[in-house]
Amino acid sequence: MPLIIPDRLPAAGSLKDENIFIMNKARADSQDIRPLKVIIVNLMPTKIATETQLARVLANSPLQIEMKLVGMDSHTSTHVSQEHMQSFYTTLDEFRDEYFDGMILTGSPVERMPFEQVDYWDELCSLFEFAKTHVYSSMFICWGAQAALYYYYGIQKHVLCDKVFGVYEMETLRPHSPLLRGFDEFFWAPHSRHTEIRTEDIEKHPELRILAASPEVGPHIIATDSGRQIFLLGHQEYDKNTLADEYFRDISLGRKIDVPKNYFRNDDPEQGILFRWRSHANLLFSNWLNYYLYQATPYNLDDLRDGKEDAWREAFTDEKVEI
């Protein structure tokens, strides 16, 4: 089944070139099937690249998914045209009465700032509150995961002496979790961050489970028992060239940056990239869509309006997925 994307979204060309099945909303409306409604809160400055990465992993599923791109009204993006933002992005005020199967919140290059000093923090907090009652399952990525863990559980991030930068081997700690169904005992995951969330802080909250981690860089995938909140401290969605683009950009700007670990063959940028996380990335997002959205959310989200909020809350408190 296809991913439903806005007409003329730049990602469409790249996805079509890769033979990924996409369609526009007009065609989707003509089919007798309800697409899963997923919000993409894109906080990355490289908006188009991030749109394409997430569209790629969401499209690798037999389910039909309608993607809504969301930005921050309190922040002006400087790495993408305002025409692009006005054409494809919406804000919370425009959909706060709607319900959604899922939400993905991306990372953001503000991780060394205190959360409250981020210019869109108040708006982001409103989104976190919105997700409690209007989104069935939310996936938070990198800084987005750190921000959500801080907002919901008071877990602090810690600044690292050295940046975690590269592709790291992760161990599957809870192989029976539906989110990790089909995973190998060990898998690879890209990371690019200056801060960390510590295992001992997560373990103080019995409702949180560490599903995958690395002795070298700590937790990678964390989730609640119900599967309503999933936190990825790495970037399983990254493209093959994403870390290389970051590395060579910083080199060209004269910044000090180490070669990303386990990324180039023999850690030599001249020898090419070892692309070895794609299959688990596709599996992770497919499992999320299937087991935490398609199998769990009501068929007709509109039935939860007009005085039927109790049914929505009951669905949320019913821990259907054991991890």
C-alpha atoms as a PDB file:
ATOM      1  CA  MET A   1       0.000   0.000   0.000  1.00  0.00           C
ATOM      2  CA  PRO A   2       1.175   3.552  -0.620  1.00  0.00           C
ATOM      3  CA  LEU A   3       2.187   6.516   1.452  1.00  0.00           C
ATOM      4  CA  ILE A   4      -0.143   9.472   0.886  1.00  0.00           C
ATOM      5  CA  ILE A   5       1.820  12.697   0.609  1.00  0.00           C
ATOM      6  CA  PRO A   6       0.877  16.282  -0.279  1.00  0.00           C
ATOM      7  CA  ASP A   7       0.804  17.139  -3.955  1.00  0.00           C
ATOM      8  CA  ARG A   8       4.130  18.551  -5.236  1.00  0.00           C
ATOM      9  CA  LEU A   9       6.106  17.616  -2.095  1.00  0.00           C
ATOM     10  CA  PRO A  10       9.793  17.565  -3.139  1.00  0.00           C
ATOM     11  CA  ALA A  11      10.267  14.103  -1.639  1.00  0.00           C
ATOM     12  CA  ALA A  12       7.902  12.664  -4.249  1.00  0.00           C
ATOM     13  CA  GLY A  13      10.483  12.701  -7.022  1.00  0.00           C
ATOM     14  CA  SER A  14      13.111  10.870  -4.981  1.00  0.00           C
ATOM     15  CA  LEU A  15      10.619   8.270  -3.770  1.00  0.00           C
ATOM     16  CA  LYS A  16       9.321   7.591  -7.275  1.00  0.00           C
ATOM     17  CA  ASP A  17      12.886   7.137  -8.532  1.00  0.00           C
ATOM     18  CA  GLU A  18      13.309   4.438  -5.866  1.00  0.00           C
ATOM     19  CA  ASN A  19      10.077   2.700  -6.940  1.00  0.00           C
ATOM     20  CA  ILE A  20       8.431   3.486  -3.597  1.00  0.00           C
ATOM     21  CA  PHE A  21       4.645   3.439  -3.908  1.00  0.00           C
ATOM     22  CA  ILE A  22       3.146   6.859  -3.191  1.00  0.00           C
ATOM     23  CA  MET A  23      -0.104   8.531  -4.206  1.00  0.00           C
ATOM     24  CA  ASN A  24      -1.774  11.897  -3.802  1.00  0.00           C
ATOM     25  CA  LYS A  25      -4.751  12.485  -1.526  1.00  0.00           C
ATOM     26  CA  ALA A  26      -7.302  12.723  -4.340  1.00  0.00           C
ATOM     27  CA  ARG A  27      -6.507   9.212  -5.497  1.00  0.00           C
ATOM     28  CA  ALA A  28      -6.433   7.895  -1.930  1.00  0.00           C
ATOM     29  CA  ASP A  29      -9.896   9.334  -1.219  1.00  0.00           C
ATOM     30  CA  SER A  30     -11.308   7.278  -4.067  1.00  0.00           C
ATOM     31  CA  GLN A  31     -10.278   4.013  -2.392  1.00  0.00           C
ATOM     32  CA  ASP A  32     -12.492   2.266   0.154  1.00  0.00           C
ATOM     33  CA  ILE A  33      -9.925   2.093   2.943  1.00  0.00           C
ATOM     34  CA  ARG A  34      -9.057   4.283   5.917  1.00  0.00           C
ATOM     35  CA  PRO A  35      -5.444   5.417   5.855  1.00  0.00           C
ATOM     36  CA  LEU A  36      -3.580   5.700   9.113  1.00  0.00           C
ATOM     37  CA  LYS A  37      -3.257   9.366  10.026  1.00  0.00           C
ATOM     38  CA  VAL A  38       0.301  10.214  11.099  1.00  0.00           C
ATOM     39  CA  ILE A  39       1.651  13.620  12.105  1.00  0.00           C
ATOM     40  CA  ILE A  40       5.300  14.366  11.274  1.00  0.00           C
ATOM     41  CA  VAL A  41       6.570  17.166  13.535  1.00  0.00           C
ATOM     42  CA  ASN A  42       9.703  18.120  11.649  1.00  0.00           C
ATOM     43  CA  LEU A  43      12.107  20.167  13.784  1.00  0.00           C
ATOM     44  CA  MET A  44      15.181  19.508  11.655  1.00  0.00           C
ATOM     45  CA  PRO A  45      16.671  22.435   9.687  1.00  0.00           C
ATOM     46  CA  THR A  46      17.113  20.127   6.686  1.00  0.00           C
ATOM     47  CA  LYS A  47      13.365  19.882   6.213  1.00  0.00           C
ATOM     48  CA  ILE A  48      13.238  18.268   2.767  1.00  0.00           C
ATOM     49  CA  ALA A  49      15.907  15.661   3.546  1.00  0.00           C
ATOM     50  CA  THR A  50      14.110  14.674   6.760  1.00  0.00           C
ATOM     51  CA  GLU A  51      10.727  14.537   5.002  1.00  0.00           C
ATOM     52  CA  THR A  52      12.207  12.157   2.456  1.00  0.00           C
ATOM     53  CA  GLN A  53      13.872   9.934   5.070  1.00  0.00           C
ATOM     54  CA  LEU A  54      10.683   9.503   7.077  1.00  0.00           C
ATOM     55  CA  ALA A  55       8.505   9.106   3.999  1.00  0.00           C
ATOM     56  CA  ARG A  56      10.814   6.337   2.794  1.00  0.00           C
ATOM     57  CA  VAL A  57      10.549   4.213   5.963  1.00  0.00           C
ATOM     58  CA  LEU A  58       6.817   4.830   6.375  1.00  0.00           C
ATOM     59  CA  ALA A  59       6.120   3.820   2.790  1.00  0.00           C
ATOM     60  CA  ASN A  60       7.753   0.403   3.254  1.00  0.00           C
ATOM     61  CA  SER A  61       4.544  -1.123   4.619  1.00  0.00           C
ATOM     62  CA  PRO A  62       1.362  -2.765   3.266  1.00  0.00           C
ATOM     63  CA  LEU A  63      -0.677  -0.066   5.053  1.00  0.00           C
ATOM     64  CA  GLN A  64      -1.988   3.173   3.616  1.00  0.00           C
ATOM     65  CA  ILE A  65      -0.680   6.170   5.555  1.00  0.00           C
ATOM     66  CA  GLU A  66      -1.675   9.818   5.345  1.00  0.00           C
ATOM     67  CA  MET A  67       1.228  12.061   6.366  1.00  0.00           C
ATOM     68  CA  LYS A  68       0.638  15.543   7.818  1.00  0.00           C
ATOM     69  CA  LEU A  69       3.733  17.760   8.105  1.00  0.00           C
ATOM     70  CA  VAL A  70       3.832  20.009  11.173  1.00  0.00           C
ATOM     71  CA  GLY A  71       6.133  22.901  12.012  1.00  0.00           C
ATOM     72  CA  MET A  72       6.541  25.382  14.844  1.00  0.00           C
ATOM     73  CA  ASP A  73       4.592  28.635  14.513  1.00  0.00           C
ATOM     74  CA  SER A  74       6.955  30.250  17.045  1.00  0.00           C
ATOM     75  CA  HIS A  75      10.095  29.500  15.005  1.00  0.00           C
ATOM     76  CA  THR A  76      11.160  30.686  11.542  1.00  0.00           C
ATOM     77  CA  SER A  77      13.019  28.060   9.521  1.00  0.00           C
ATOM     78  CA  THR A  78      16.061  29.494   7.749  1.00  0.00           C
ATOM     79  CA  HIS A  79      17.280  26.435   5.809  1.00  0.00           C
ATOM     80  CA  VAL A  80      14.182  26.048   3.656  1.00  0.00           C
ATOM     81  CA  SER A  81      12.028  28.512   1.757  1.00  0.00           C
ATOM     82  CA  GLN A  82       8.978  30.019   3.409  1.00  0.00           C
ATOM     83  CA  GLU A  83       7.060  28.992   0.293  1.00  0.00           C
ATOM     84  CA  HIS A  84       7.831  25.355   1.118  1.00  0.00           C
ATOM     85  CA  MET A  85       6.707  25.807   4.728  1.00  0.00           C
ATOM     86  CA  GLN A  86       3.501  27.579   3.731  1.00  0.00           C
ATOM     87  CA  SER A  87       2.718  25.008   1.036  1.00  0.00           C
ATOM     88  CA  PHE A  88       3.270  21.806   3.007  1.00  0.00           C
ATOM     89  CA  TYR A  89       3.341  22.544   6.745  1.00  0.00           C
ATOM     90  CA  THR A  90       0.626  23.189   9.286  1.00  0.00           C
ATOM     91  CA  THR A  91       0.641  24.083  12.989  1.00  0.00           C
ATOM     92  CA  LEU A  92      -1.176  22.767  16.046  1.00  0.00           C
ATOM     93  CA  ASP A  93      -3.799  25.523  16.016  1.00  0.00           C
ATOM     94  CA  GLU A  94      -5.004  24.254  12.638  1.00  0.00           C
ATOM     95  CA  PHE A  95      -5.706  20.662  13.741  1.00  0.00           C
ATOM     96  CA  ARG A  96      -6.059  20.643  17.528  1.00  0.00           C
ATOM     97  CA  ASP A  97      -9.608  19.203  17.235  1.00  0.00           C
ATOM     98  CA  GLU A  98      -8.508  16.233  15.114  1.00  0.00           C
ATOM     99  CA  TYR A  99      -7.446  12.754  16.223  1.00  0.00           C
ATOM    100  CA  PHE A 100      -4.486  10.794  14.864  1.00  0.00           C
ATOM    101  CA  ASP A 101      -3.220   7.249  14.889  1.00  0.00           C
ATOM    102  CA  GLY A 102       0.412   8.262  15.248  1.00  0.00           C
ATOM    103  CA  MET A 103       2.907  11.082  15.595  1.00  0.00           C
ATOM    104  CA  ILE A 104       6.640  11.259  14.854  1.00  0.00           C
ATOM    105  CA  LEU A 105       8.664  14.072  16.429  1.00  0.00           C
ATOM    106  CA  THR A 106      12.138  14.519  14.946  1.00  0.00           C
ATOM    107  CA  GLY A 107      15.402  15.643  16.456  1.00  0.00           C
ATOM    108  CA  SER A 108      16.677  19.214  16.423  1.00  0.00           C
ATOM    109  CA  PRO A 109      20.180  20.779  16.584  1.00  0.00           C
ATOM    110  CA  VAL A 110      19.494  22.482  19.928  1.00  0.00           C
ATOM    111  CA  GLU A 111      20.489  19.648  22.241  1.00  0.00           C
ATOM    112  CA  ARG A 112      23.124  21.560  24.225  1.00  0.00           C
ATOM    113  CA  MET A 113      20.605  24.271  25.157  1.00  0.00           C
ATOM    114  CA  PRO A 114      18.393  23.910  28.242  1.00  0.00           C
ATOM    115  CA  PHE A 115      14.967  22.802  27.047  1.00  0.00           C
ATOM    116  CA  GLU A 116      13.231  25.926  28.343  1.00  0.00           C
ATOM    117  CA  GLN A 117      15.572  28.180  26.338  1.00  0.00           C
ATOM    118  CA  VAL A 118      14.525  26.703  22.983  1.00  0.00           C
ATOM    119  CA  ASP A 119      12.399  29.366  21.303  1.00  0.00           C
ATOM    120  CA  TYR A 120       9.536  26.976  20.494  1.00  0.00           C
ATOM    121  CA  TRP A 121       9.547  25.083  23.806  1.00  0.00           C
ATOM    122  CA  ASP A 122       6.131  26.329  24.946  1.00  0.00           C
ATOM    123  CA  GLU A 123       4.599  25.370  21.614  1.00  0.00           C
ATOM    124  CA  LEU A 124       6.247  21.961  21.791  1.00  0.00           C
ATOM    125  CA  CYS A 125       4.835  21.436  25.285  1.00  0.00           C
ATOM    126  CA  SER A 126       1.378  22.106  23.857  1.00  0.00           C
ATOM    127  CA  LEU A 127       2.015  19.370  21.295  1.00  0.00           C
ATOM    128  CA  PHE A 128       3.089  16.977  24.045  1.00  0.00           C
ATOM    129  CA  GLU A 129      -0.184  17.685  25.851  1.00  0.00           C
ATOM    130  CA  PHE A 130      -2.150  17.312  22.618  1.00  0.00           C
ATOM    131  CA  ALA A 131      -0.584  13.890  22.038  1.00  0.00           C
ATOM    132  CA  LYS A 132      -1.871  12.627  25.395  1.00  0.00           C
ATOM    133  CA  THR A 133      -5.484  12.711  24.232  1.00  0.00           C
ATOM    134  CA  HIS A 134      -5.415  13.040  20.433  1.00  0.00           C
ATOM    135  CA  VAL A 135      -2.615  10.691  19.286  1.00  0.00           C
ATOM    136  CA  TYR A 136      -2.643   6.959  19.925  1.00  0.00           C
ATOM    137  CA  SER A 137       1.096   6.227  19.637  1.00  0.00           C
ATOM    138  CA  SER A 138       3.943   8.744  19.433  1.00  0.00           C
ATOM    139  CA  MET A 139       7.513   8.121  18.301  1.00  0.00           C
ATOM    140  CA  PHE A 140      10.147  10.631  19.435  1.00  0.00           C
ATOM    141  CA  ILE A 141      13.574  10.729  17.758  1.00  0.00           C
ATOM    142  CA  CYS A 142      16.964  11.889  19.150  1.00  0.00           C
ATOM    143  CA  TRP A 143      16.549  15.362  20.725  1.00  0.00           C
ATOM    144  CA  GLY A 144      12.794  14.916  20.320  1.00  0.00           C
ATOM    145  CA  ALA A 145      13.070  11.792  22.482  1.00  0.00           C
ATOM    146  CA  GLN A 146      15.140  13.627  25.082  1.00  0.00           C
ATOM    147  CA  ALA A 147      12.646  16.488  25.160  1.00  0.00           C
ATOM    148  CA  ALA A 148       9.689  14.121  25.547  1.00  0.00           C
ATOM    149  CA  LEU A 149      11.404  12.137  28.316  1.00  0.00           C
ATOM    150  CA  TYR A 150      12.067  15.406  30.120  1.00  0.00           C
ATOM    151  CA  TYR A 151       8.517  16.700  29.658  1.00  0.00           C
ATOM    152  CA  TYR A 152       6.656  13.499  30.551  1.00  0.00           C
ATOM    153  CA  TYR A 153       9.013  11.995  33.145  1.00  0.00           C
ATOM    154  CA  GLY A 154      11.394  14.751  34.262  1.00  0.00           C
ATOM    155  CA  ILE A 155      14.419  12.829  32.950  1.00  0.00           C
ATOM    156  CA  GLN A 156      17.361  15.158  32.362  1.00  0.00           C
ATOM    157  CA  LYS A 157      19.767  14.966  29.445  1.00  0.00           C
ATOM    158  CA  HIS A 158      23.520  15.176  30.097  1.00  0.00           C
ATOM    159  CA  VAL A 159      26.088  16.906  27.903  1.00  0.00           C
ATOM    160  CA  LEU A 160      28.846  14.575  26.682  1.00  0.00           C
ATOM    161  CA  CYS A 161      32.534  15.398  26.534  1.00  0.00           C
ATOM    162  CA  ASP A 162      32.765  13.813  23.093  1.00  0.00           C
ATOM    163  CA  LYS A 163      30.036  13.687  20.487  1.00  0.00           C
ATOM    164  CA  VAL A 164      28.394  10.316  19.827  1.00  0.00           C
ATOM    165  CA  PHE A 165      28.847  10.169  16.069  1.00  0.00           C
ATOM    166  CA  GLY A 166      28.726   7.069  13.928  1.00  0.00           C
ATOM    167  CA  VAL A 167      26.962   3.736  13.526  1.00  0.00           C
ATOM    168  CA  TYR A 168      26.890   1.580  16.652  1.00  0.00           C
ATOM    169  CA  GLU A 169      25.999  -2.033  17.317  1.00  0.00           C
ATOM    170  CA  MET A 170      22.866  -2.351  19.441  1.00  0.00           C
ATOM    171  CA  GLU A 171      21.687  -5.361  21.422  1.00  0.00           C
ATOM    172  CA  THR A 172      18.035  -6.376  21.317  1.00  0.00           C
ATOM    173  CA  LEU A 173      17.130  -6.577  25.020  1.00  0.00           C
ATOM    174  CA  ARG A 174      13.437  -7.416  24.700  1.00  0.00           C
ATOM    175  CA  PRO A 175      13.094  -9.633  21.628  1.00  0.00           C
ATOM    176  CA  HIS A 176       9.422 -10.375  22.357  1.00  0.00           C
ATOM    177  CA  SER A 177       8.418  -6.741  22.014  1.00  0.00           C
ATOM    178  CA  PRO A 178       6.208  -6.315  18.923  1.00  0.00           C
ATOM    179  CA  LEU A 179       8.289  -3.267  18.035  1.00  0.00           C
ATOM    180  CA  LEU A 180      11.367  -5.483  17.631  1.00  0.00           C
ATOM    181  CA  ARG A 181       9.634  -8.469  16.063  1.00  0.00           C
ATOM    182  CA  GLY A 182      11.933  -9.988  13.452  1.00  0.00           C
ATOM    183  CA  PHE A 183      15.032  -8.179  14.747  1.00  0.00           C
ATOM    184  CA  ASP A 184      18.372  -9.922  15.029  1.00  0.00           C
ATOM    185  CA  GLU A 185      19.978 -10.184  18.459  1.00  0.00           C
ATOM    186  CA  PHE A 186      22.325  -7.383  17.411  1.00  0.00           C
ATOM    187  CA  PHE A 187      21.757  -4.628  14.848  1.00  0.00           C
ATOM    188  CA  TRP A 188      23.331  -1.341  13.734  1.00  0.00           C
ATOM    189  CA  ALA A 189      21.988   2.162  14.344  1.00  0.00           C
ATOM    190  CA  PRO A 190      23.278   5.651  13.409  1.00  0.00           C
ATOM    191  CA  HIS A 191      23.736   8.206  16.179  1.00  0.00           C
ATOM    192  CA  SER A 192      24.703  11.877  16.046  1.00  0.00           C
ATOM    193  CA  ARG A 193      24.341  13.719  19.355  1.00  0.00           C
ATOM    194  CA  HIS A 194      26.163  15.755  21.984  1.00  0.00           C
ATOM    195  CA  THR A 195      23.973  14.648  24.893  1.00  0.00           C
ATOM    196  CA  GLU A 196      22.800  11.410  26.475  1.00  0.00           C
ATOM    197  CA  ILE A 197      20.024   9.889  28.553  1.00  0.00           C
ATOM    198  CA  ARG A 198      21.399   7.619  31.274  1.00  0.00           C
ATOM    199  CA  THR A 199      20.163   4.101  31.920  1.00  0.00           C
ATOM    200  CA  GLU A 200      19.870   4.637  35.676  1.00  0.00           C
ATOM    201  CA  ASP A 201      17.517   7.587  35.131  1.00  0.00           C
ATOM    202  CA  ILE A 202      15.242   5.535  32.885  1.00  0.00           C
ATOM    203  CA  GLU A 203      15.172   2.645  35.333  1.00  0.00           C
ATOM    204  CA  LYS A 204      13.707   4.917  38.023  1.00  0.00           C
ATOM    205  CA  HIS A 205      10.463   4.865  36.001  1.00  0.00           C
ATOM    206  CA  PRO A 206       8.904   1.366  36.001  1.00  0.00           C
ATOM    207  CA  GLU A 207       6.566   2.295  33.135  1.00  0.00           C
ATOM    208  CA  LEU A 208       9.556   2.700  30.806  1.00  0.00           C
ATOM    209  CA  ARG A 209      11.348  -0.239  29.183  1.00  0.00           C
ATOM    210  CA  ILE A 210      14.737  -0.198  27.449  1.00  0.00           C
ATOM    211  CA  LEU A 211      14.241  -2.362  24.355  1.00  0.00           C
ATOM    212  CA  ALA A 212      17.671  -1.955  22.748  1.00  0.00           C
ATOM    213  CA  ALA A 213      20.978  -0.497  23.918  1.00  0.00           C
ATOM    214  CA  SER A 214      24.728  -0.444  23.419  1.00  0.00           C
ATOM    215  CA  PRO A 215      27.468  -0.656  26.087  1.00  0.00           C
ATOM    216  CA  GLU A 216      29.275   2.099  24.182  1.00  0.00           C
ATOM    217  CA  VAL A 217      26.529   4.710  23.759  1.00  0.00           C
ATOM    218  CA  GLY A 218      23.746   3.595  26.102  1.00  0.00           C
ATOM    219  CA  PRO A 219      20.005   3.208  25.455  1.00  0.00           C
ATOM    220  CA  HIS A 220      18.737   3.371  21.888  1.00  0.00           C
ATOM    221  CA  ILE A 221      15.046   2.355  21.979  1.00  0.00           C
ATOM    222  CA  ILE A 222      12.801   2.989  24.986  1.00  0.00           C
ATOM    223  CA  ALA A 223       9.036   2.459  25.188  1.00  0.00           C
ATOM    224  CA  THR A 224       6.141   2.474  27.622  1.00  0.00           C
ATOM    225  CA  ASP A 225       4.251  -0.730  28.396  1.00  0.00           C
ATOM    226  CA  SER A 226       1.276   0.374  26.334  1.00  0.00           C
ATOM    227  CA  GLY A 227       3.374   1.356  23.316  1.00  0.00           C
ATOM    228  CA  ARG A 228       1.825   4.804  23.317  1.00  0.00           C
ATOM    229  CA  GLN A 229       5.247   6.422  23.698  1.00  0.00           C
ATOM    230  CA  ILE A 230       8.367   5.237  21.883  1.00  0.00           C
ATOM    231  CA  PHE A 231      11.715   6.993  22.202  1.00  0.00           C
ATOM    232  CA  LEU A 232      14.587   6.518  19.730  1.00  0.00           C
ATOM    233  CA  LEU A 233      17.823   8.091  20.918  1.00  0.00           C
ATOM    234  CA  GLY A 234      19.500   7.383  17.585  1.00  0.00           C
ATOM    235  CA  HIS A 235      18.501   7.922  13.971  1.00  0.00           C
ATOM    236  CA  GLN A 236      17.342   4.627  12.540  1.00  0.00           C
ATOM    237  CA  GLU A 237      15.671   6.597   9.729  1.00  0.00           C
ATOM    238  CA  TYR A 238      18.914   8.117   8.415  1.00  0.00           C
ATOM    239  CA  ASP A 239      19.852   7.697   4.755  1.00  0.00           C
ATOM    240  CA  LYS A 240      23.111   6.155   3.633  1.00  0.00           C
ATOM    241  CA  ASN A 241      24.807   9.536   3.136  1.00  0.00           C
ATOM    242  CA  THR A 242      23.400  11.521   6.073  1.00  0.00           C
ATOM    243  CA  LEU A 243      26.391  11.135   8.411  1.00  0.00           C
ATOM    244  CA  ALA A 244      28.807  11.688   5.513  1.00  0.00           C
ATOM    245  CA  ASP A 245      27.024  14.930   4.613  1.00  0.00           C
ATOM    246  CA  GLU A 246      27.326  16.106   8.226  1.00  0.00           C
ATOM    247  CA  TYR A 247      30.991  15.102   8.435  1.00  0.00           C
ATOM    248  CA  PHE A 248      32.099  16.738   5.169  1.00  0.00           C
ATOM    249  CA  ARG A 249      30.006  19.857   5.903  1.00  0.00           C
ATOM    250  CA  ASP A 250      31.822  20.385   9.187  1.00  0.00           C
ATOM    251  CA  ILE A 251      35.191  19.690   7.575  1.00  0.00           C
ATOM    252  CA  SER A 252      34.478  22.306   4.893  1.00  0.00           C
ATOM    253  CA  LEU A 253      33.544  24.842   7.593  1.00  0.00           C
ATOM    254  CA  GLY A 254      36.777  24.198   9.487  1.00  0.00           C
ATOM    255  CA  ARG A 255      35.045  22.650  12.483  1.00  0.00           C
ATOM    256  CA  LYS A 256      36.674  19.967  14.604  1.00  0.00           C
ATOM    257  CA  ILE A 257      34.892  16.688  13.985  1.00  0.00           C
ATOM    258  CA  ASP A 258      35.959  13.062  14.300  1.00  0.00           C
ATOM    259  CA  VAL A 259      35.391  10.513  11.559  1.00  0.00           C
ATOM    260  CA  PRO A 260      32.040   8.811  12.317  1.00  0.00           C
ATOM    261  CA  LYS A 261      32.688   5.431  13.944  1.00  0.00           C
ATOM    262  CA  ASN A 262      31.940   2.202  12.094  1.00  0.00           C
ATOM    263  CA  TYR A 263      30.534   4.150   9.146  1.00  0.00           C
ATOM    264  CA  PHE A 264      33.189   4.329   6.449  1.00  0.00           C
ATOM    265  CA  ARG A 265      34.975   1.122   5.494  1.00  0.00           C
ATOM    266  CA  ASN A 266      37.954   0.765   7.856  1.00  0.00           C
ATOM    267  CA  ASP A 267      36.960   4.198   9.243  1.00  0.00           C
ATOM    268  CA  ASP A 268      38.457   5.744   6.102  1.00  0.00           C
ATOM    269  CA  PRO A 269      36.286   8.344   4.307  1.00  0.00           C
ATOM    270  CA  GLU A 270      38.076   7.478   1.057  1.00  0.00           C
ATOM    271  CA  GLN A 271      36.838   3.862   1.128  1.00  0.00           C
ATOM    272  CA  GLY A 272      33.091   4.411   0.976  1.00  0.00           C
ATOM    273  CA  ILE A 273      30.156   3.850   3.339  1.00  0.00           C
ATOM    274  CA  LEU A 274      29.002   0.643   5.016  1.00  0.00           C
ATOM    275  CA  PHE A 275      25.209   0.903   4.760  1.00  0.00           C
ATOM    276  CA  ARG A 276      24.056  -1.735   7.232  1.00  0.00           C
ATOM    277  CA  TRP A 277      21.066  -0.377   9.176  1.00  0.00           C
ATOM    278  CA  ARG A 278      18.416  -0.049   6.434  1.00  0.00           C
ATOM    279  CA  SER A 279      16.670  -3.411   6.888  1.00  0.00           C
ATOM    280  CA  HIS A 280      16.185  -2.925  10.633  1.00  0.00           C
ATOM    281  CA  ALA A 281      15.021   0.654  10.059  1.00  0.00           C
ATOM    282  CA  ASN A 282      12.321  -0.565   7.686  1.00  0.00           C
ATOM    283  CA  LEU A 283      11.345  -3.321  10.108  1.00  0.00           C
ATOM    284  CA  LEU A 284      11.170  -0.945  13.082  1.00  0.00           C
ATOM    285  CA  PHE A 285       8.799   1.487  11.391  1.00  0.00           C
ATOM    286  CA  SER A 286       6.712  -1.286   9.820  1.00  0.00           C
ATOM    287  CA  ASN A 287       6.284  -2.925  13.232  1.00  0.00           C
ATOM    288  CA  TRP A 288       5.258   0.393  14.759  1.00  0.00           C
ATOM    289  CA  LEU A 289       2.684   1.028  12.055  1.00  0.00           C
ATOM    290  CA  ASN A 290       1.262  -2.473  12.232  1.00  0.00           C
ATOM    291  CA  TYR A 291       1.271  -3.415  15.913  1.00  0.00           C
ATOM    292  CA  TYR A 292       0.913  -0.023  17.575  1.00  0.00           C
ATOM    293  CA  LEU A 293      -1.322   1.825  15.104  1.00  0.00           C
ATOM    294  CA  TYR A 294      -3.177  -0.445  12.674  1.00  0.00           C
ATOM    295  CA  GLN A 295      -3.866  -3.206  15.215  1.00  0.00           C
ATOM    296  CA  ALA A 296      -4.691  -0.847  18.094  1.00  0.00           C
ATOM    297  CA  THR A 297      -6.511   2.303  16.969  1.00  0.00           C
ATOM    298  CA  PRO A 298     -10.257   2.431  16.219  1.00  0.00           C
ATOM    299  CA  TYR A 299     -11.246   2.113  12.565  1.00  0.00           C
ATOM    300  CA  ASN A 300     -13.215   5.360  12.574  1.00  0.00           C
ATOM    301  CA  LEU A 301     -11.347   8.075  14.451  1.00  0.00           C
ATOM    302  CA  ASP A 302     -14.264  10.470  13.967  1.00  0.00           C
ATOM    303  CA  ASP A 303     -16.405   8.221  16.185  1.00  0.00           C
ATOM    304  CA  LEU A 304     -14.335   9.489  19.080  1.00  0.00           C
ATOM    305  CA  ARG A 305     -15.627  13.036  18.708  1.00  0.00           C
ATOM    306  CA  ASP A 306     -18.816  14.613  20.017  1.00  0.00           C
ATOM    307  CA  GLY A 307     -18.977  13.284  23.536  1.00  0.00           C
ATOM    308  CA  LYS A 308     -17.208   9.987  22.839  1.00  0.00           C
ATOM    309  CA  GLU A 309     -13.893  11.036  24.407  1.00  0.00           C
ATOM    310  CA  ASP A 310     -14.411   8.372  27.089  1.00  0.00           C
ATOM    311  CA  ALA A 311     -13.977   5.681  24.436  1.00  0.00           C
ATOM    312  CA  TRP A 312     -10.749   7.334  23.309  1.00  0.00           C
ATOM    313  CA  ARG A 313      -9.396   7.494  26.850  1.00  0.00           C
ATOM    314  CA  GLU A 314     -10.436   3.875  27.446  1.00  0.00           C
ATOM    315  CA  ALA A 315      -8.559   2.831  24.319  1.00  0.00           C
ATOM    316  CA  PHE A 316      -5.500   4.677  25.573  1.00  0.00           C
ATOM    317  CA  THR A 317      -5.541   3.106  29.017  1.00  0.00           C
ATOM    318  CA  ASP A 318      -6.044  -0.419  27.681  1.00  0.00           C
ATOM    319  CA  GLU A 319      -2.504  -1.796  27.534  1.00  0.00           C
ATOM    320  CA  LYS A 320      -3.019  -3.984  24.494  1.00  0.00           C
ATOM    321  CA  VAL A 321       0.646  -4.511  23.701  1.00  0.00           C
ATOM    322  CA  GLU A 322       2.914  -6.215  26.216  1.00  0.00           C
ATOM    323  CA  ILE A 323       6.613  -5.452  25.764  1.00  0.00           C
END
